[in-house]
Every structure is written in structure tokens, then in C-alpha cells.
Amino acid sequence: MSSASCIEQKGVIERIENGQASVRLAVFQACAHCHSKSACGVADESTRNIEIALPDENYSIGEQVMIGMKRHLGIRATFLAYVFPFLLVMIVLILLTTLHLNELLSGIFSLISLVPYFILLYLFRDRLDRTFTFTLRKAA
């Protein structure tokens, strides 16, 4: 994949079994590389493990690899996780306040409207797993 059409991040293989590799990624907040992060206390680093199907090449535990995902899938994931829920809450809130429902109840019902959405995401998680696939290649 070309770097223009792919989002890539470096990771380390932690475990290999049944044709799957567990890859540890370092996750940085936006300000993690700031020169004043030690004084700030906001910058944090954490790790996340991702399960990826191994291609035919030989990989070993502890090896550095590049994990990639097509850029349009990243945009779709952002839309499903952040944009659509925000729009859903706003539409329900505006609709209920337009119908002259109490503001407190409008706010509560708009937040409750997220429950069916996230239940649907959970029910379709297998299909989403097949859609949002990662690629693995050896790091240079």
C-alpha cells in the first residue's frame, strides 16, 4: 500500500498462535512529543494490542512490524465512533426541544438515543471486524 492511501504505525509482535499475531502498539496523545510534557502532566503514553492475521512471510516474537489500514477505513471508523453518535444526539435534542419537551428530559432522551446505536454496533461487530482489516509488513 502506498503511504498516501494507508495509515501506518510501528508495533512489536508479542504473541503468535493459530496464524494470528498479537501486536503491541504505542498510543500517544497529541501532545506526547511536546518539549514541556514533563511539566504539563497531560501527556500520556499507553499501549494497545491488536490481533492481526499473519501473511505468508515468517515473523517472530519481538520483531518490529508496520501495521497499516486503508485511509478510507480510518475515516469510516471515525464517522461510526464519533460523528454519527454526535449527530444522532444533536438531532434528537433539537427535535425534542422543538416539540416543547422539558429541556432536562430532552437531554436525557437524546443521550438515551445512543443506547440502541451502540447495541447495533455491538450486534454487527463481526461484520465490522471483517470490514476494518489491518495489514502487516516487516519494518524497514
N, C-alpha and C. Protein backbone atom coordinates (compact mmCIF):
# COMPACT_ATOMS: atom_id res chain seq x y z
N MET A 1 0.84 -1.18 0.00
CA MET A 1 0.00 0.00 0.00
C MET A 1 0.87 1.23 0.00
N SER A 2 0.42 2.24 -0.70
CA SER A 2 1.17 3.49 -0.69
C SER A 2 0.85 4.25 0.59
N SER A 3 1.78 5.08 1.02
CA SER A 3 1.57 5.80 2.28
C SER A 3 0.44 6.82 2.17
N ALA A 4 0.12 7.26 0.94
CA ALA A 4 -0.97 8.22 0.78
C ALA A 4 -2.32 7.58 1.02
N SER A 5 -2.45 6.29 0.72
CA SER A 5 -3.74 5.63 0.88
C SER A 5 -3.80 4.78 2.13
N CYS A 6 -2.75 4.83 2.95
CA CYS A 6 -2.68 3.94 4.10
C CYS A 6 -2.21 4.71 5.34
N ILE A 7 -2.78 4.36 6.47
CA ILE A 7 -2.35 4.89 7.76
C ILE A 7 -1.50 3.79 8.39
N GLU A 8 -0.26 4.09 8.76
CA GLU A 8 0.63 3.07 9.30
C GLU A 8 1.17 3.47 10.67
N GLN A 9 1.47 2.45 11.46
CA GLN A 9 2.07 2.67 12.77
C GLN A 9 2.98 1.50 13.09
N LYS A 10 4.07 1.80 13.78
CA LYS A 10 5.03 0.78 14.15
C LYS A 10 4.56 0.03 15.38
N GLY A 11 4.80 -1.28 15.39
CA GLY A 11 4.43 -2.09 16.53
C GLY A 11 5.42 -3.22 16.73
N VAL A 12 5.24 -4.00 17.79
CA VAL A 12 6.10 -5.12 18.11
C VAL A 12 5.23 -6.35 18.31
N ILE A 13 5.63 -7.46 17.69
CA ILE A 13 4.87 -8.71 17.84
C ILE A 13 5.12 -9.27 19.24
N GLU A 14 4.04 -9.51 19.97
CA GLU A 14 4.15 -10.05 21.32
C GLU A 14 3.85 -11.54 21.38
N ARG A 15 2.93 -12.00 20.52
CA ARG A 15 2.50 -13.40 20.59
C ARG A 15 2.09 -13.84 19.20
N ILE A 16 2.38 -15.11 18.86
CA ILE A 16 1.95 -15.69 17.59
C ILE A 16 1.31 -17.04 17.89
N GLU A 17 0.07 -17.21 17.42
CA GLU A 17 -0.58 -18.51 17.56
C GLU A 17 -1.76 -18.60 16.59
N ASN A 18 -1.92 -19.77 16.00
CA ASN A 18 -3.02 -20.07 15.08
C ASN A 18 -3.11 -19.08 13.92
N GLY A 19 -1.98 -18.70 13.35
CA GLY A 19 -1.99 -17.79 12.20
C GLY A 19 -2.34 -16.35 12.55
N GLN A 20 -2.38 -16.03 13.82
CA GLN A 20 -2.68 -14.68 14.29
C GLN A 20 -1.50 -14.15 15.08
N ALA A 21 -1.24 -12.87 14.93
CA ALA A 21 -0.19 -12.22 15.71
C ALA A 21 -0.83 -11.15 16.59
N SER A 22 -0.40 -11.11 17.83
CA SER A 22 -0.81 -10.04 18.74
C SER A 22 0.30 -9.00 18.69
N VAL A 23 -0.03 -7.80 18.19
CA VAL A 23 0.96 -6.75 18.01
C VAL A 23 0.67 -5.62 18.99
N ARG A 24 1.72 -5.22 19.72
CA ARG A 24 1.61 -4.14 20.71
C ARG A 24 1.96 -2.83 20.02
N LEU A 25 1.05 -1.86 20.14
CA LEU A 25 1.25 -0.53 19.58
C LEU A 25 1.37 0.47 20.71
N ALA A 26 2.26 1.43 20.55
CA ALA A 26 2.35 2.54 21.50
C ALA A 26 1.36 3.60 21.03
N VAL A 27 0.49 4.04 21.93
CA VAL A 27 -0.52 5.04 21.62
C VAL A 27 -0.13 6.32 22.33
N PHE A 28 0.08 7.38 21.57
CA PHE A 28 0.48 8.67 22.13
C PHE A 28 -0.67 9.65 22.02
N GLN A 29 -0.79 10.51 23.02
CA GLN A 29 -1.71 11.62 22.90
C GLN A 29 -1.08 12.65 21.99
N ALA A 30 -1.86 13.59 21.53
CA ALA A 30 -1.38 14.58 20.57
C ALA A 30 -0.21 15.39 21.10
N CYS A 31 -0.15 15.59 22.39
CA CYS A 31 0.91 16.44 22.94
C CYS A 31 2.09 15.64 23.46
N ALA A 32 2.18 14.35 23.15
CA ALA A 32 3.21 13.50 23.72
C ALA A 32 4.62 13.92 23.32
N HIS A 33 4.78 14.58 22.20
CA HIS A 33 6.11 14.97 21.74
C HIS A 33 6.45 16.42 22.07
N CYS A 34 5.65 17.05 22.89
CA CYS A 34 5.87 18.44 23.27
C CYS A 34 7.07 18.51 24.20
N HIS A 35 7.87 19.57 24.09
CA HIS A 35 9.07 19.70 24.91
C HIS A 35 8.75 19.96 26.37
N SER A 36 7.55 20.42 26.68
CA SER A 36 7.21 20.71 28.08
C SER A 36 6.27 19.66 28.67
N LYS A 37 6.25 18.47 28.11
CA LYS A 37 5.31 17.46 28.59
C LYS A 37 5.61 17.02 30.02
N SER A 38 6.86 17.07 30.46
CA SER A 38 7.18 16.65 31.81
C SER A 38 6.56 17.58 32.86
N ALA A 39 6.44 18.84 32.54
CA ALA A 39 5.86 19.80 33.47
C ALA A 39 4.33 19.82 33.37
N CYS A 40 3.82 19.44 32.23
CA CYS A 40 2.39 19.54 31.97
C CYS A 40 1.58 18.47 32.69
N GLY A 41 1.98 17.23 32.56
CA GLY A 41 1.24 16.15 33.19
C GLY A 41 0.08 15.65 32.38
N VAL A 42 -0.24 16.29 31.26
CA VAL A 42 -1.35 15.84 30.41
C VAL A 42 -0.89 14.73 29.48
N ALA A 43 0.34 14.81 29.01
CA ALA A 43 0.85 13.84 28.05
C ALA A 43 0.91 12.46 28.69
N ASP A 44 0.45 11.49 27.98
CA ASP A 44 0.41 10.13 28.48
C ASP A 44 0.73 9.17 27.36
N GLU A 45 1.36 8.08 27.67
CA GLU A 45 1.62 7.03 26.69
C GLU A 45 1.01 5.76 27.23
N SER A 46 0.31 5.04 26.38
CA SER A 46 -0.24 3.76 26.76
C SER A 46 -0.02 2.80 25.60
N THR A 47 -0.32 1.55 25.83
CA THR A 47 -0.16 0.57 24.76
C THR A 47 -1.50 -0.08 24.47
N ARG A 48 -1.60 -0.60 23.26
CA ARG A 48 -2.81 -1.29 22.82
C ARG A 48 -2.37 -2.49 22.01
N ASN A 49 -3.02 -3.63 22.20
CA ASN A 49 -2.73 -4.83 21.43
C ASN A 49 -3.79 -5.02 20.36
N ILE A 50 -3.33 -5.40 19.17
CA ILE A 50 -4.23 -5.66 18.05
C ILE A 50 -3.94 -7.05 17.51
N GLU A 51 -4.99 -7.82 17.26
CA GLU A 51 -4.85 -9.15 16.67
C GLU A 51 -4.92 -9.01 15.15
N ILE A 52 -3.91 -9.55 14.46
CA ILE A 52 -3.83 -9.43 13.01
C ILE A 52 -3.51 -10.79 12.42
N ALA A 53 -4.18 -11.11 11.31
CA ALA A 53 -3.88 -12.35 10.60
C ALA A 53 -2.49 -12.22 9.98
N LEU A 54 -1.68 -13.26 10.14
CA LEU A 54 -0.32 -13.22 9.61
C LEU A 54 -0.31 -13.54 8.11
N PRO A 55 0.44 -12.76 7.33
CA PRO A 55 0.63 -13.13 5.94
C PRO A 55 1.61 -14.31 5.85
N ASP A 56 1.97 -14.71 4.65
CA ASP A 56 2.80 -15.90 4.46
C ASP A 56 4.24 -15.75 4.94
N GLU A 57 4.72 -14.51 5.09
CA GLU A 57 6.11 -14.31 5.49
C GLU A 57 6.34 -14.82 6.91
N ASN A 58 7.61 -15.08 7.23
CA ASN A 58 7.96 -15.54 8.57
C ASN A 58 8.13 -14.35 9.50
N TYR A 59 7.45 -14.38 10.60
CA TYR A 59 7.56 -13.35 11.62
C TYR A 59 7.94 -14.02 12.93
N SER A 60 8.59 -13.27 13.80
CA SER A 60 8.99 -13.83 15.09
C SER A 60 8.57 -12.89 16.21
N ILE A 61 8.48 -13.44 17.40
CA ILE A 61 8.10 -12.66 18.57
C ILE A 61 9.20 -11.64 18.86
N GLY A 62 8.82 -10.40 19.15
CA GLY A 62 9.76 -9.34 19.42
C GLY A 62 10.16 -8.55 18.19
N GLU A 63 9.72 -8.98 17.02
CA GLU A 63 10.08 -8.30 15.77
C GLU A 63 9.26 -7.03 15.59
N GLN A 64 9.92 -5.97 15.10
CA GLN A 64 9.20 -4.72 14.81
C GLN A 64 8.53 -4.84 13.45
N VAL A 65 7.26 -4.43 13.41
CA VAL A 65 6.47 -4.50 12.18
C VAL A 65 5.72 -3.20 11.98
N MET A 66 5.23 -3.01 10.79
CA MET A 66 4.38 -1.87 10.47
C MET A 66 2.96 -2.40 10.28
N ILE A 67 2.01 -1.79 10.96
CA ILE A 67 0.61 -2.14 10.83
C ILE A 67 -0.04 -1.04 10.01
N GLY A 68 -0.80 -1.45 9.00
CA GLY A 68 -1.44 -0.47 8.14
C GLY A 68 -2.92 -0.71 8.01
N MET A 69 -3.64 0.37 7.75
CA MET A 69 -5.06 0.31 7.48
C MET A 69 -5.35 1.34 6.39
N LYS A 70 -6.21 0.99 5.47
CA LYS A 70 -6.55 1.93 4.40
C LYS A 70 -7.15 3.19 5.00
N ARG A 71 -6.74 4.32 4.46
CA ARG A 71 -7.16 5.62 4.99
C ARG A 71 -8.68 5.76 5.01
N HIS A 72 -9.37 5.32 3.98
CA HIS A 72 -10.82 5.49 3.95
C HIS A 72 -11.50 4.67 5.06
N LEU A 73 -10.87 3.58 5.50
CA LEU A 73 -11.43 2.81 6.61
C LEU A 73 -11.26 3.57 7.92
N GLY A 74 -10.18 4.30 8.05
CA GLY A 74 -9.98 5.13 9.24
C GLY A 74 -11.01 6.24 9.32
N ILE A 75 -11.32 6.82 8.17
CA ILE A 75 -12.35 7.87 8.13
C ILE A 75 -13.71 7.27 8.47
N ARG A 76 -13.99 6.08 7.94
CA ARG A 76 -15.27 5.42 8.24
C ARG A 76 -15.38 5.09 9.72
N ALA A 77 -14.29 4.61 10.32
CA ALA A 77 -14.30 4.29 11.76
C ALA A 77 -14.54 5.54 12.59
N THR A 78 -13.91 6.65 12.21
CA THR A 78 -14.13 7.91 12.92
C THR A 78 -15.58 8.34 12.81
N PHE A 79 -16.15 8.19 11.63
CA PHE A 79 -17.56 8.55 11.45
C PHE A 79 -18.45 7.70 12.34
N LEU A 80 -18.23 6.37 12.35
CA LEU A 80 -19.07 5.48 13.15
C LEU A 80 -18.92 5.70 14.65
N ALA A 81 -17.72 6.04 15.10
CA ALA A 81 -17.46 6.16 16.53
C ALA A 81 -17.75 7.54 17.09
N TYR A 82 -17.61 8.60 16.27
CA TYR A 82 -17.72 9.96 16.81
C TYR A 82 -18.75 10.82 16.10
N VAL A 83 -18.70 10.89 14.79
CA VAL A 83 -19.54 11.83 14.05
C VAL A 83 -21.01 11.42 14.11
N PHE A 84 -21.31 10.17 13.75
CA PHE A 84 -22.71 9.76 13.74
C PHE A 84 -23.36 9.83 15.13
N PRO A 85 -22.72 9.35 16.20
CA PRO A 85 -23.33 9.49 17.52
C PRO A 85 -23.58 10.96 17.91
N PHE A 86 -22.64 11.84 17.57
CA PHE A 86 -22.83 13.26 17.85
C PHE A 86 -24.04 13.80 17.10
N LEU A 87 -24.13 13.48 15.80
CA LEU A 87 -25.28 13.95 15.01
C LEU A 87 -26.59 13.39 15.54
N LEU A 88 -26.58 12.12 15.95
CA LEU A 88 -27.79 11.50 16.49
C LEU A 88 -28.25 12.23 17.75
N VAL A 89 -27.34 12.52 18.66
CA VAL A 89 -27.69 13.23 19.89
C VAL A 89 -28.23 14.62 19.57
N MET A 90 -27.56 15.32 18.67
CA MET A 90 -28.00 16.68 18.33
C MET A 90 -29.36 16.69 17.64
N ILE A 91 -29.59 15.77 16.72
CA ILE A 91 -30.88 15.72 16.02
C ILE A 91 -32.01 15.42 16.99
N VAL A 92 -31.81 14.42 17.85
CA VAL A 92 -32.85 14.08 18.83
C VAL A 92 -33.08 15.24 19.79
N LEU A 93 -32.02 15.89 20.23
CA LEU A 93 -32.15 17.02 21.15
C LEU A 93 -32.91 18.17 20.50
N ILE A 94 -32.56 18.52 19.28
CA ILE A 94 -33.25 19.61 18.57
C ILE A 94 -34.70 19.25 18.31
N LEU A 95 -34.95 18.02 17.91
CA LEU A 95 -36.32 17.58 17.63
C LEU A 95 -37.19 17.65 18.89
N LEU A 96 -36.67 17.14 20.01
CA LEU A 96 -37.45 17.14 21.24
C LEU A 96 -37.66 18.53 21.81
N THR A 97 -36.67 19.40 21.70
CA THR A 97 -36.87 20.77 22.19
C THR A 97 -37.82 21.54 21.27
N THR A 98 -37.82 21.21 19.98
CA THR A 98 -38.77 21.83 19.05
C THR A 98 -40.20 21.41 19.39
N LEU A 99 -40.35 20.18 19.89
CA LEU A 99 -41.67 19.70 20.30
C LEU A 99 -42.04 20.17 21.70
N HIS A 100 -41.25 21.10 22.26
CA HIS A 100 -41.50 21.74 23.56
C HIS A 100 -41.48 20.76 24.72
N LEU A 101 -40.63 19.76 24.62
CA LEU A 101 -40.43 18.87 25.75
C LEU A 101 -39.47 19.57 26.73
N ASN A 102 -39.60 19.28 27.99
CA ASN A 102 -38.73 19.83 29.03
C ASN A 102 -37.27 19.65 28.61
N GLU A 103 -36.42 20.66 28.85
CA GLU A 103 -35.02 20.61 28.44
C GLU A 103 -34.26 19.46 29.09
N LEU A 104 -34.53 19.22 30.35
CA LEU A 104 -33.87 18.11 31.04
C LEU A 104 -34.24 16.78 30.41
N LEU A 105 -35.53 16.57 30.15
CA LEU A 105 -35.96 15.33 29.51
C LEU A 105 -35.43 15.21 28.09
N SER A 106 -35.37 16.33 27.37
CA SER A 106 -34.81 16.31 26.02
C SER A 106 -33.36 15.86 26.05
N GLY A 107 -32.60 16.37 27.00
CA GLY A 107 -31.20 15.98 27.12
C GLY A 107 -31.05 14.52 27.48
N ILE A 108 -31.87 14.06 28.41
CA ILE A 108 -31.81 12.66 28.83
C ILE A 108 -32.18 11.73 27.68
N PHE A 109 -33.28 12.03 26.97
CA PHE A 109 -33.71 11.19 25.85
C PHE A 109 -32.71 11.22 24.69
N SER A 110 -32.05 12.36 24.50
CA SER A 110 -31.06 12.42 23.42
C SER A 110 -29.86 11.54 23.75
N LEU A 111 -29.47 11.49 25.02
CA LEU A 111 -28.38 10.60 25.41
C LEU A 111 -28.81 9.14 25.37
N ILE A 112 -30.04 8.87 25.76
CA ILE A 112 -30.56 7.50 25.72
C ILE A 112 -30.66 7.00 24.28
N SER A 113 -30.81 7.92 23.32
CA SER A 113 -30.90 7.50 21.92
C SER A 113 -29.61 6.84 21.44
N LEU A 114 -28.51 7.02 22.17
CA LEU A 114 -27.25 6.37 21.81
C LEU A 114 -27.24 4.88 22.14
N VAL A 115 -28.05 4.47 23.10
CA VAL A 115 -28.06 3.07 23.53
C VAL A 115 -28.39 2.13 22.37
N PRO A 116 -29.50 2.35 21.63
CA PRO A 116 -29.76 1.44 20.51
C PRO A 116 -28.67 1.47 19.44
N TYR A 117 -28.06 2.64 19.22
CA TYR A 117 -26.99 2.74 18.23
C TYR A 117 -25.80 1.87 18.61
N PHE A 118 -25.36 1.96 19.86
CA PHE A 118 -24.21 1.18 20.27
C PHE A 118 -24.55 -0.30 20.41
N ILE A 119 -25.80 -0.63 20.70
CA ILE A 119 -26.22 -2.03 20.69
C ILE A 119 -26.13 -2.58 19.27
N LEU A 120 -26.56 -1.78 18.28
CA LEU A 120 -26.44 -2.21 16.87
C LEU A 120 -24.98 -2.40 16.47
N LEU A 121 -24.12 -1.49 16.88
CA LEU A 121 -22.69 -1.67 16.59
C LEU A 121 -22.18 -2.96 17.21
N TYR A 122 -22.61 -3.25 18.42
CA TYR A 122 -22.17 -4.47 19.09
C TYR A 122 -22.69 -5.71 18.35
N LEU A 123 -23.94 -5.68 17.92
CA LEU A 123 -24.50 -6.83 17.21
C LEU A 123 -23.83 -7.07 15.87
N PHE A 124 -23.36 -6.00 15.23
CA PHE A 124 -22.69 -6.14 13.93
C PHE A 124 -21.17 -6.14 14.05
N ARG A 125 -20.65 -6.45 15.24
CA ARG A 125 -19.20 -6.39 15.46
C ARG A 125 -18.43 -7.37 14.58
N ASP A 126 -19.00 -8.54 14.28
CA ASP A 126 -18.30 -9.49 13.42
C ASP A 126 -18.17 -8.95 12.00
N ARG A 127 -19.23 -8.33 11.52
CA ARG A 127 -19.18 -7.73 10.18
C ARG A 127 -18.20 -6.56 10.15
N LEU A 128 -18.18 -5.77 11.21
CA LEU A 128 -17.24 -4.66 11.29
C LEU A 128 -15.80 -5.17 11.36
N ASP A 129 -15.58 -6.29 12.06
CA ASP A 129 -14.23 -6.88 12.12
C ASP A 129 -13.75 -7.29 10.73
N ARG A 130 -14.65 -7.78 9.90
CA ARG A 130 -14.28 -8.16 8.53
C ARG A 130 -14.05 -6.94 7.66
N THR A 131 -14.73 -5.84 7.96
CA THR A 131 -14.58 -4.61 7.17
C THR A 131 -13.30 -3.89 7.51
N PHE A 132 -13.03 -3.73 8.80
CA PHE A 132 -11.87 -2.98 9.25
C PHE A 132 -10.68 -3.92 9.44
N THR A 133 -9.98 -4.17 8.35
CA THR A 133 -8.84 -5.10 8.40
C THR A 133 -7.53 -4.33 8.41
N PHE A 134 -6.55 -4.91 9.07
CA PHE A 134 -5.22 -4.35 9.15
C PHE A 134 -4.28 -5.19 8.30
N THR A 135 -3.23 -4.57 7.78
CA THR A 135 -2.18 -5.28 7.07
C THR A 135 -0.92 -5.24 7.90
N LEU A 136 -0.07 -6.22 7.69
CA LEU A 136 1.15 -6.34 8.46
C LEU A 136 2.32 -6.48 7.50
N ARG A 137 3.39 -5.74 7.76
CA ARG A 137 4.61 -5.89 6.97
C ARG A 137 5.80 -5.64 7.88
N LYS A 138 6.93 -6.18 7.45
CA LYS A 138 8.15 -6.00 8.25
C LYS A 138 8.59 -4.54 8.22
N ALA A 139 9.03 -4.05 9.37
CA ALA A 139 9.50 -2.67 9.45
C ALA A 139 10.87 -2.56 8.80
N ALA A 140 11.09 -1.44 8.18
CA ALA A 140 12.38 -1.23 7.49
C ALA A 140 13.49 -0.89 8.45
